[in-house]
């Protein structure tokens, strides 16, 4: 796989389009790994992107404590966002419904982990866009900003929000 580094602003559009499942996108794949280096991949259905914040590009994602990824991000506070193609719809669906605690999602889906340039979690060879990120601040939402419905949700269902610096954005060369 040959990839070329690009400015983060060049991939925000495709990242945004795929991220929002309700807008027709199928989600974006987030890769992580634990201290043992074993990779995991999950599907994200929303996130926020800032092209510049204090001279750095920022990604904001949210993960529930019940997810296997939550523990992995605590162990290794880095991840890669990988934008899938329509041909990967089945793999994206599987990664959003199965737990990495119970199976190796890379093996189950046939996705190929490849080394990332700046972070320990791998990127995914089949995805044409990769964004490598390092978490600089995890934040549980303050109780007061949650809707009444969310306040009643059990803790394992309440997301932690991760603010992450973009270390590199890449596109796959044809």
N, C-alpha and C. Protein backbone atom coordinates (compact mmCIF):
# COMPACT_ATOMS: atom_id res chain seq x y z
N UNK A 1 0.84 -1.18 0.00
CA UNK A 1 0.00 0.00 0.00
C UNK A 1 0.89 1.24 0.00
N UNK A 2 0.67 2.11 -0.95
CA UNK A 2 1.38 3.38 -1.01
C UNK A 2 0.42 4.46 -0.56
N UNK A 3 0.85 5.26 0.39
CA UNK A 3 0.00 6.35 0.85
C UNK A 3 0.78 7.65 0.83
N UNK A 4 0.03 8.73 0.71
CA UNK A 4 0.63 10.06 0.63
C UNK A 4 0.05 10.91 1.75
N UNK A 5 0.91 11.62 2.46
CA UNK A 5 0.44 12.50 3.53
C UNK A 5 -0.17 13.75 2.91
N UNK A 6 -1.30 14.17 3.48
CA UNK A 6 -2.01 15.36 3.01
C UNK A 6 -2.38 16.23 4.20
N UNK A 7 -2.78 17.45 3.94
CA UNK A 7 -3.29 18.32 4.99
C UNK A 7 -4.62 17.74 5.49
N UNK A 8 -4.85 17.83 6.79
CA UNK A 8 -6.08 17.29 7.37
C UNK A 8 -7.32 17.89 6.71
N UNK A 9 -7.26 19.17 6.37
CA UNK A 9 -8.40 19.83 5.73
C UNK A 9 -8.84 19.16 4.44
N UNK A 10 -7.93 18.46 3.77
CA UNK A 10 -8.26 17.78 2.52
C UNK A 10 -9.11 16.52 2.74
N UNK A 11 -9.12 15.98 3.94
CA UNK A 11 -9.89 14.75 4.17
C UNK A 11 -11.10 14.96 5.08
N UNK A 12 -11.30 16.19 5.57
CA UNK A 12 -12.44 16.44 6.45
C UNK A 12 -13.75 16.14 5.73
N UNK A 13 -13.89 16.54 4.46
CA UNK A 13 -15.14 16.30 3.72
C UNK A 13 -15.50 14.82 3.66
N UNK A 14 -14.63 13.96 3.11
CA UNK A 14 -14.96 12.53 3.06
C UNK A 14 -15.13 11.91 4.45
N UNK A 15 -14.35 12.36 5.41
CA UNK A 15 -14.46 11.85 6.78
C UNK A 15 -15.84 12.19 7.34
N UNK A 16 -16.26 13.42 7.16
CA UNK A 16 -17.56 13.88 7.64
C UNK A 16 -18.70 13.13 6.96
N UNK A 17 -18.62 12.97 5.64
CA UNK A 17 -19.68 12.27 4.90
C UNK A 17 -19.86 10.84 5.38
N UNK A 18 -18.78 10.13 5.61
CA UNK A 18 -18.87 8.73 6.04
C UNK A 18 -19.23 8.60 7.51
N UNK A 19 -18.84 9.59 8.31
CA UNK A 19 -19.04 9.50 9.76
C UNK A 19 -20.52 9.49 10.13
N UNK A 20 -21.31 10.27 9.43
CA UNK A 20 -22.69 10.45 9.86
C UNK A 20 -23.61 9.44 9.22
N UNK A 21 -23.87 8.37 9.95
CA UNK A 21 -24.70 7.27 9.45
C UNK A 21 -26.07 7.75 9.00
N UNK A 22 -26.65 8.70 9.72
CA UNK A 22 -28.00 9.17 9.36
C UNK A 22 -28.00 9.96 8.07
N UNK A 23 -26.86 10.49 7.68
CA UNK A 23 -26.77 11.25 6.44
C UNK A 23 -26.43 10.38 5.24
N UNK A 24 -26.48 9.08 5.39
CA UNK A 24 -26.18 8.18 4.29
C UNK A 24 -24.82 7.51 4.40
N UNK A 25 -23.96 8.02 5.28
CA UNK A 25 -22.67 7.37 5.50
C UNK A 25 -22.86 6.10 6.30
N UNK A 26 -21.89 5.23 6.27
CA UNK A 26 -22.02 3.98 7.02
C UNK A 26 -21.19 3.99 8.29
N UNK A 27 -20.50 5.09 8.54
CA UNK A 27 -19.63 5.18 9.71
C UNK A 27 -18.17 5.13 9.30
N UNK A 28 -17.33 5.41 10.25
CA UNK A 28 -15.88 5.41 10.07
C UNK A 28 -15.31 4.36 11.01
N UNK A 29 -14.23 3.72 10.61
CA UNK A 29 -13.59 2.71 11.45
C UNK A 29 -12.51 3.35 12.31
N UNK A 30 -12.54 3.07 13.60
CA UNK A 30 -11.53 3.55 14.55
C UNK A 30 -10.73 2.34 14.99
N UNK A 31 -9.42 2.41 14.80
CA UNK A 31 -8.55 1.33 15.28
C UNK A 31 -7.87 1.76 16.56
N UNK A 32 -7.66 0.79 17.42
CA UNK A 32 -6.98 1.01 18.70
C UNK A 32 -6.18 -0.25 19.01
N UNK A 33 -5.39 -0.19 20.07
CA UNK A 33 -4.69 -1.40 20.53
C UNK A 33 -4.39 -1.24 22.01
N UNK A 34 -4.27 -2.36 22.67
CA UNK A 34 -3.91 -2.35 24.09
C UNK A 34 -2.41 -2.35 24.25
N UNK A 35 -1.98 -2.39 25.48
CA UNK A 35 -0.55 -2.43 25.77
C UNK A 35 0.15 -3.63 25.17
N UNK A 36 -0.61 -4.71 24.92
CA UNK A 36 -0.01 -5.91 24.32
C UNK A 36 0.13 -5.78 22.80
N UNK A 37 -0.38 -4.68 22.23
CA UNK A 37 -0.26 -4.45 20.80
C UNK A 37 -1.34 -5.08 19.95
N UNK A 38 -2.23 -5.89 20.56
CA UNK A 38 -3.30 -6.55 19.78
C UNK A 38 -4.29 -5.49 19.28
N UNK A 39 -4.48 -5.40 17.97
CA UNK A 39 -5.34 -4.35 17.43
C UNK A 39 -6.83 -4.69 17.53
N UNK A 40 -7.62 -3.64 17.53
CA UNK A 40 -9.07 -3.75 17.53
C UNK A 40 -9.61 -2.68 16.59
N UNK A 41 -10.81 -2.90 16.11
CA UNK A 41 -11.46 -1.92 15.24
C UNK A 41 -12.93 -1.84 15.62
N UNK A 42 -13.46 -0.60 15.67
CA UNK A 42 -14.87 -0.39 15.95
C UNK A 42 -15.42 0.62 14.96
N UNK A 43 -16.73 0.66 14.83
CA UNK A 43 -17.39 1.61 13.95
C UNK A 43 -17.87 2.81 14.76
N UNK A 44 -17.61 4.01 14.24
CA UNK A 44 -18.10 5.25 14.85
C UNK A 44 -19.17 5.85 13.95
N UNK A 45 -20.22 6.37 14.56
CA UNK A 45 -21.30 6.99 13.80
C UNK A 45 -21.35 8.50 13.90
N UNK A 46 -20.47 9.10 14.70
CA UNK A 46 -20.41 10.56 14.75
C UNK A 46 -19.11 11.01 15.38
N UNK A 47 -18.77 12.25 15.13
CA UNK A 47 -17.55 12.85 15.67
C UNK A 47 -17.50 14.31 15.25
N UNK A 48 -16.52 15.02 15.73
CA UNK A 48 -16.33 16.43 15.39
C UNK A 48 -14.91 16.62 14.90
N UNK A 49 -14.74 17.59 14.00
CA UNK A 49 -13.43 17.84 13.43
C UNK A 49 -13.17 19.34 13.43
N UNK A 50 -11.99 19.73 13.85
CA UNK A 50 -11.58 21.12 13.80
C UNK A 50 -10.28 21.22 13.03
N UNK A 51 -10.27 22.07 12.01
CA UNK A 51 -9.06 22.12 11.20
C UNK A 51 -7.91 22.78 11.94
N UNK A 52 -8.19 23.75 12.79
CA UNK A 52 -7.09 24.34 13.57
C UNK A 52 -7.62 24.80 14.92
N UNK A 53 -6.97 24.36 15.98
CA UNK A 53 -7.29 24.77 17.34
C UNK A 53 -5.96 24.87 18.06
N UNK A 54 -5.57 26.07 18.40
CA UNK A 54 -4.26 26.29 19.02
C UNK A 54 -3.15 25.67 18.17
N UNK A 55 -3.18 25.96 16.88
CA UNK A 55 -2.17 25.49 15.93
C UNK A 55 -2.12 23.98 15.75
N UNK A 56 -3.20 23.30 16.04
CA UNK A 56 -3.24 21.87 15.75
C UNK A 56 -4.64 21.49 15.28
N UNK A 57 -4.68 20.48 14.45
CA UNK A 57 -5.96 19.95 13.99
C UNK A 57 -6.47 19.00 15.06
N UNK A 58 -7.79 19.01 15.25
CA UNK A 58 -8.39 18.26 16.35
C UNK A 58 -9.54 17.39 15.84
N UNK A 59 -9.63 16.19 16.42
CA UNK A 59 -10.74 15.27 16.20
C UNK A 59 -11.36 15.01 17.57
N UNK A 60 -12.68 14.94 17.62
CA UNK A 60 -13.38 14.60 18.85
C UNK A 60 -14.26 13.38 18.56
N UNK A 61 -14.06 12.32 19.33
CA UNK A 61 -14.86 11.10 19.18
C UNK A 61 -15.41 10.71 20.55
N UNK A 62 -16.41 9.86 20.55
CA UNK A 62 -17.01 9.42 21.81
C UNK A 62 -17.12 7.90 21.83
N UNK A 63 -16.77 7.32 22.98
CA UNK A 63 -16.79 5.87 23.15
C UNK A 63 -17.42 5.55 24.50
N UNK A 64 -18.31 4.57 24.53
CA UNK A 64 -18.95 4.16 25.78
C UNK A 64 -18.02 3.27 26.61
N UNK A 65 -18.09 3.38 27.93
CA UNK A 65 -17.27 2.52 28.80
C UNK A 65 -17.51 1.03 28.59
N UNK A 66 -18.67 0.64 28.10
CA UNK A 66 -18.96 -0.77 27.87
C UNK A 66 -18.20 -1.34 26.68
N UNK A 67 -17.69 -0.47 25.82
CA UNK A 67 -16.98 -0.93 24.61
C UNK A 67 -15.56 -1.38 24.96
N UNK A 68 -15.11 -2.42 24.28
CA UNK A 68 -13.74 -2.91 24.45
C UNK A 68 -12.73 -1.80 24.13
N UNK A 69 -13.05 -0.98 23.15
CA UNK A 69 -12.17 0.13 22.75
C UNK A 69 -11.91 1.08 23.90
N UNK A 70 -12.88 1.26 24.78
CA UNK A 70 -12.72 2.18 25.92
C UNK A 70 -11.50 1.80 26.75
N UNK A 71 -11.36 0.52 27.07
CA UNK A 71 -10.21 0.06 27.85
C UNK A 71 -8.92 0.23 27.06
N UNK A 72 -8.97 -0.08 25.77
CA UNK A 72 -7.77 0.04 24.94
C UNK A 72 -7.28 1.48 24.86
N UNK A 73 -8.22 2.43 24.73
CA UNK A 73 -7.83 3.84 24.67
C UNK A 73 -7.23 4.32 26.00
N UNK A 74 -7.65 3.72 27.10
CA UNK A 74 -7.05 4.05 28.40
C UNK A 74 -5.61 3.52 28.46
N UNK A 75 -5.38 2.34 27.87
CA UNK A 75 -4.03 1.74 27.86
C UNK A 75 -3.09 2.46 26.89
N UNK A 76 -3.58 2.71 25.69
CA UNK A 76 -2.78 3.36 24.63
C UNK A 76 -3.65 4.50 24.07
N UNK A 77 -3.42 5.74 24.50
CA UNK A 77 -4.29 6.85 24.11
C UNK A 77 -4.04 7.37 22.69
N UNK A 78 -4.14 6.48 21.75
CA UNK A 78 -3.94 6.80 20.34
C UNK A 78 -4.95 5.99 19.52
N UNK A 79 -5.27 6.50 18.33
CA UNK A 79 -6.15 5.75 17.44
C UNK A 79 -5.94 6.22 16.01
N UNK A 80 -6.46 5.45 15.08
CA UNK A 80 -6.50 5.85 13.68
C UNK A 80 -7.95 5.80 13.23
N UNK A 81 -8.37 6.82 12.50
CA UNK A 81 -9.68 6.83 11.86
C UNK A 81 -9.46 6.43 10.41
N UNK A 82 -10.22 5.45 9.95
CA UNK A 82 -10.06 4.92 8.60
C UNK A 82 -11.40 5.03 7.88
N UNK A 83 -11.40 5.69 6.73
CA UNK A 83 -12.63 5.93 5.98
C UNK A 83 -12.85 4.76 5.02
N UNK A 84 -13.95 4.01 5.21
CA UNK A 84 -14.19 2.83 4.37
C UNK A 84 -14.83 3.20 3.02
N UNK A 85 -14.73 2.28 2.10
CA UNK A 85 -15.41 2.40 0.80
C UNK A 85 -16.72 1.62 0.89
N UNK A 86 -17.65 1.83 -0.05
CA UNK A 86 -18.92 1.10 -0.01
C UNK A 86 -18.74 -0.42 -0.01
N UNK A 87 -17.66 -0.91 -0.62
CA UNK A 87 -17.41 -2.35 -0.67
C UNK A 87 -17.17 -2.94 0.73
N UNK A 88 -16.87 -2.10 1.69
CA UNK A 88 -16.57 -2.56 3.05
C UNK A 88 -17.79 -2.50 3.98
N UNK A 89 -18.97 -2.27 3.41
CA UNK A 89 -20.18 -2.10 4.23
C UNK A 89 -20.41 -3.25 5.20
N UNK A 90 -20.21 -4.47 4.75
CA UNK A 90 -20.43 -5.63 5.63
C UNK A 90 -19.44 -5.64 6.79
N UNK A 91 -18.18 -5.32 6.51
CA UNK A 91 -17.16 -5.27 7.56
C UNK A 91 -17.46 -4.14 8.55
N UNK A 92 -17.89 -2.99 8.04
CA UNK A 92 -18.22 -1.86 8.91
C UNK A 92 -19.38 -2.23 9.83
N UNK A 93 -20.38 -2.89 9.28
CA UNK A 93 -21.52 -3.33 10.09
C UNK A 93 -21.08 -4.32 11.17
N UNK A 94 -20.24 -5.28 10.81
CA UNK A 94 -19.75 -6.26 11.78
C UNK A 94 -18.96 -5.57 12.89
N UNK A 95 -18.08 -4.64 12.51
CA UNK A 95 -17.24 -3.96 13.51
C UNK A 95 -18.07 -3.08 14.44
N UNK A 96 -19.28 -2.72 14.03
CA UNK A 96 -20.16 -1.93 14.88
C UNK A 96 -21.07 -2.77 15.75
N UNK A 97 -21.07 -4.08 15.54
CA UNK A 97 -21.97 -4.93 16.33
C UNK A 97 -21.26 -6.00 17.15
N UNK A 98 -20.06 -6.38 16.78
CA UNK A 98 -19.30 -7.39 17.52
C UNK A 98 -18.33 -6.71 18.48
N UNK A 99 -17.93 -7.41 19.52
CA UNK A 99 -16.96 -6.88 20.48
C UNK A 99 -15.60 -7.51 20.27
N UNK A 100 -14.57 -6.68 20.31
CA UNK A 100 -13.20 -7.17 20.22
C UNK A 100 -12.79 -8.00 21.42
N UNK A 101 -13.59 -7.97 22.48
CA UNK A 101 -13.33 -8.85 23.63
C UNK A 101 -13.58 -10.30 23.25
N UNK A 102 -14.51 -10.50 22.31
CA UNK A 102 -14.97 -11.84 21.96
C UNK A 102 -14.37 -12.41 20.68
N UNK A 103 -13.80 -11.55 19.85
CA UNK A 103 -13.27 -12.03 18.57
C UNK A 103 -12.20 -11.07 18.05
N UNK A 104 -11.46 -11.52 17.06
CA UNK A 104 -10.50 -10.68 16.35
C UNK A 104 -11.25 -10.14 15.13
N UNK A 105 -11.66 -8.89 15.20
CA UNK A 105 -12.47 -8.32 14.13
C UNK A 105 -11.70 -8.18 12.82
N UNK A 106 -10.39 -8.01 12.89
CA UNK A 106 -9.61 -7.98 11.65
C UNK A 106 -9.71 -9.34 10.95
N UNK A 107 -9.51 -10.40 11.69
CA UNK A 107 -9.57 -11.74 11.09
C UNK A 107 -10.99 -12.05 10.60
N UNK A 108 -11.98 -11.73 11.40
CA UNK A 108 -13.37 -12.05 11.05
C UNK A 108 -13.83 -11.32 9.79
N UNK A 109 -13.35 -10.10 9.57
CA UNK A 109 -13.81 -9.29 8.44
C UNK A 109 -12.89 -9.35 7.23
N UNK A 110 -11.67 -9.84 7.42
CA UNK A 110 -10.70 -9.83 6.33
C UNK A 110 -10.01 -8.49 6.14
N UNK A 111 -10.26 -7.54 7.05
CA UNK A 111 -9.56 -6.25 6.97
C UNK A 111 -8.09 -6.47 7.29
N UNK A 112 -7.23 -5.68 6.65
CA UNK A 112 -5.79 -5.85 6.79
C UNK A 112 -5.18 -4.73 7.61
N UNK A 113 -4.66 -5.03 8.82
CA UNK A 113 -3.99 -3.98 9.60
C UNK A 113 -2.61 -3.69 9.00
N UNK A 114 -2.30 -2.41 8.86
CA UNK A 114 -0.97 -2.00 8.37
C UNK A 114 -0.40 -0.98 9.34
N UNK A 115 0.92 -0.95 9.49
CA UNK A 115 1.52 -0.02 10.45
C UNK A 115 1.15 1.44 10.13
N UNK A 116 0.86 2.17 11.17
CA UNK A 116 0.63 3.61 11.05
C UNK A 116 1.97 4.33 11.17
N UNK A 117 2.02 5.56 10.71
CA UNK A 117 3.27 6.32 10.74
C UNK A 117 3.57 6.92 12.10
N UNK A 118 2.52 7.36 12.83
CA UNK A 118 2.73 8.12 14.06
C UNK A 118 2.14 7.51 15.32
N UNK A 119 1.29 6.50 15.18
CA UNK A 119 0.61 5.93 16.34
C UNK A 119 0.78 4.41 16.35
N UNK A 120 0.59 3.81 17.52
CA UNK A 120 0.73 2.35 17.64
C UNK A 120 -0.42 1.58 17.00
N UNK A 121 -1.68 2.03 17.12
CA UNK A 121 -2.74 1.28 16.43
C UNK A 121 -2.52 1.30 14.92
N UNK A 122 -2.90 0.22 14.25
CA UNK A 122 -2.69 0.16 12.80
C UNK A 122 -3.72 1.00 12.05
N UNK A 123 -3.43 1.23 10.79
CA UNK A 123 -4.42 1.74 9.85
C UNK A 123 -4.97 0.51 9.13
N UNK A 124 -5.92 0.71 8.24
CA UNK A 124 -6.54 -0.41 7.52
C UNK A 124 -6.24 -0.27 6.04
N UNK A 125 -5.58 -1.27 5.47
CA UNK A 125 -5.12 -1.21 4.08
C UNK A 125 -6.25 -0.95 3.09
N UNK A 126 -7.42 -1.50 3.34
CA UNK A 126 -8.53 -1.39 2.39
C UNK A 126 -9.20 -0.01 2.40
N UNK A 127 -8.90 0.82 3.38
CA UNK A 127 -9.50 2.15 3.49
C UNK A 127 -8.63 3.19 2.79
N UNK A 128 -9.21 4.04 1.95
CA UNK A 128 -8.41 5.00 1.18
C UNK A 128 -7.94 6.22 1.96
N UNK A 129 -8.52 6.47 3.13
CA UNK A 129 -8.12 7.62 3.94
C UNK A 129 -7.86 7.16 5.37
N UNK A 130 -6.75 7.63 5.94
CA UNK A 130 -6.39 7.33 7.33
C UNK A 130 -6.06 8.64 8.03
N UNK A 131 -6.50 8.78 9.27
CA UNK A 131 -6.15 9.94 10.09
C UNK A 131 -5.63 9.39 11.42
N UNK A 132 -4.38 9.70 11.73
CA UNK A 132 -3.74 9.19 12.95
C UNK A 132 -3.82 10.25 14.05
N UNK A 133 -4.26 9.83 15.24
CA UNK A 133 -4.56 10.77 16.31
C UNK A 133 -4.00 10.32 17.66
N UNK A 134 -3.65 11.31 18.47
CA UNK A 134 -3.22 11.06 19.85
C UNK A 134 -4.17 11.83 20.78
N UNK A 135 -4.75 11.11 21.73
CA UNK A 135 -5.68 11.72 22.67
C UNK A 135 -4.92 12.65 23.62
N UNK A 136 -5.46 13.85 23.79
CA UNK A 136 -4.86 14.74 24.78
C UNK A 136 -5.81 15.06 25.92
N UNK A 137 -7.10 14.71 25.77
CA UNK A 137 -8.01 14.94 26.89
C UNK A 137 -9.26 14.07 26.77
N UNK A 138 -9.43 13.10 27.68
CA UNK A 138 -10.71 12.39 27.75
C UNK A 138 -11.63 13.15 28.71
N UNK A 139 -12.91 13.22 28.40
CA UNK A 139 -13.84 13.99 29.24
C UNK A 139 -15.18 13.28 29.35
N UNK A 140 -15.57 12.95 30.56
CA UNK A 140 -16.95 12.49 30.78
C UNK A 140 -17.84 13.72 30.74
N UNK A 141 -18.95 13.69 30.03
CA UNK A 141 -19.81 14.88 29.98
C UNK A 141 -20.34 15.23 31.37
N UNK A 142 -20.30 16.51 31.72
CA UNK A 142 -20.87 16.91 33.01
C UNK A 142 -22.36 16.56 33.04
N UNK A 143 -22.82 16.08 34.17
CA UNK A 143 -24.20 15.64 34.33
C UNK A 143 -25.19 16.72 33.88
N UNK A 144 -24.87 17.98 34.16
CA UNK A 144 -25.82 19.06 33.89
C UNK A 144 -26.07 19.29 32.40
N UNK A 145 -25.16 18.87 31.52
CA UNK A 145 -25.39 19.11 30.09
C UNK A 145 -26.12 17.96 29.41
N UNK A 146 -26.30 16.87 30.11
CA UNK A 146 -27.00 15.73 29.53
C UNK A 146 -28.50 15.96 29.53
N UNK A 147 -29.18 15.42 28.55
CA UNK A 147 -30.64 15.48 28.53
C UNK A 147 -31.17 14.63 29.68
N UNK A 148 -32.40 14.86 30.12
CA UNK A 148 -32.96 14.02 31.19
C UNK A 148 -32.90 12.53 30.85
N UNK A 149 -33.14 12.19 29.60
CA UNK A 149 -33.07 10.79 29.18
C UNK A 149 -31.67 10.22 29.38
N UNK A 150 -30.65 10.98 28.99
CA UNK A 150 -29.27 10.52 29.14
C UNK A 150 -28.84 10.48 30.60
N UNK A 151 -29.37 11.37 31.41
CA UNK A 151 -29.02 11.35 32.84
C UNK A 151 -29.47 10.05 33.51
N UNK A 152 -30.57 9.48 33.01
CA UNK A 152 -31.09 8.24 33.58
C UNK A 152 -30.37 7.01 33.07
N UNK A 153 -29.58 7.17 32.02
CA UNK A 153 -28.87 6.02 31.43
C UNK A 153 -27.82 5.50 32.40
N UNK A 154 -27.61 4.19 32.43
CA UNK A 154 -26.55 3.64 33.28
C UNK A 154 -25.19 4.15 32.82
N UNK A 155 -24.24 4.19 33.74
CA UNK A 155 -22.91 4.74 33.44
C UNK A 155 -22.27 4.06 32.23
N UNK A 156 -22.44 2.74 32.10
CA UNK A 156 -21.80 2.04 30.98
C UNK A 156 -22.36 2.48 29.62
N UNK A 157 -23.49 3.19 29.61
CA UNK A 157 -24.09 3.65 28.36
C UNK A 157 -23.76 5.12 28.07
N UNK A 158 -23.10 5.80 29.00
CA UNK A 158 -22.76 7.21 28.81
C UNK A 158 -21.36 7.32 28.22
N UNK A 159 -21.26 7.98 27.11
CA UNK A 159 -19.99 8.09 26.39
C UNK A 159 -18.97 8.96 27.11
N UNK A 160 -17.70 8.62 26.92
CA UNK A 160 -16.60 9.52 27.25
C UNK A 160 -16.19 10.18 25.95
N UNK A 161 -15.95 11.47 26.01
CA UNK A 161 -15.57 12.24 24.83
C UNK A 161 -14.05 12.37 24.82
N UNK A 162 -13.44 12.05 23.70
CA UNK A 162 -11.98 12.10 23.56
C UNK A 162 -11.60 13.22 22.59
N UNK A 163 -10.81 14.16 23.09
CA UNK A 163 -10.23 15.21 22.25
C UNK A 163 -8.85 14.71 21.83
N UNK A 164 -8.59 14.71 20.53
CA UNK A 164 -7.34 14.15 20.03
C UNK A 164 -6.71 15.07 18.99
N UNK A 165 -5.40 15.14 19.06
CA UNK A 165 -4.62 15.90 18.09
C UNK A 165 -4.37 15.03 16.86
N UNK A 166 -4.54 15.60 15.69
CA UNK A 166 -4.24 14.90 14.44
C UNK A 166 -2.73 14.95 14.22
N UNK A 167 -2.12 13.77 14.13
CA UNK A 167 -0.68 13.68 13.91
C UNK A 167 -0.34 13.50 12.43
N UNK A 168 -1.29 13.01 11.66
CA UNK A 168 -1.06 12.82 10.23
C UNK A 168 -2.33 12.37 9.54
N UNK A 169 -2.51 12.82 8.31
CA UNK A 169 -3.64 12.40 7.48
C UNK A 169 -3.06 11.87 6.17
N UNK A 170 -3.62 10.76 5.70
CA UNK A 170 -3.05 10.07 4.54
C UNK A 170 -4.14 9.62 3.58
N UNK A 171 -3.80 9.64 2.30
CA UNK A 171 -4.68 9.07 1.28
C UNK A 171 -3.90 7.97 0.57
N UNK A 172 -4.62 6.93 0.21
CA UNK A 172 -4.00 5.81 -0.51
C UNK A 172 -3.82 6.21 -1.97
N UNK A 173 -2.65 5.93 -2.49
CA UNK A 173 -2.38 6.20 -3.91
C UNK A 173 -2.95 5.06 -4.74
N UNK A 174 -3.51 5.38 -5.92
CA UNK A 174 -4.05 4.31 -6.77
C UNK A 174 -2.95 3.41 -7.32
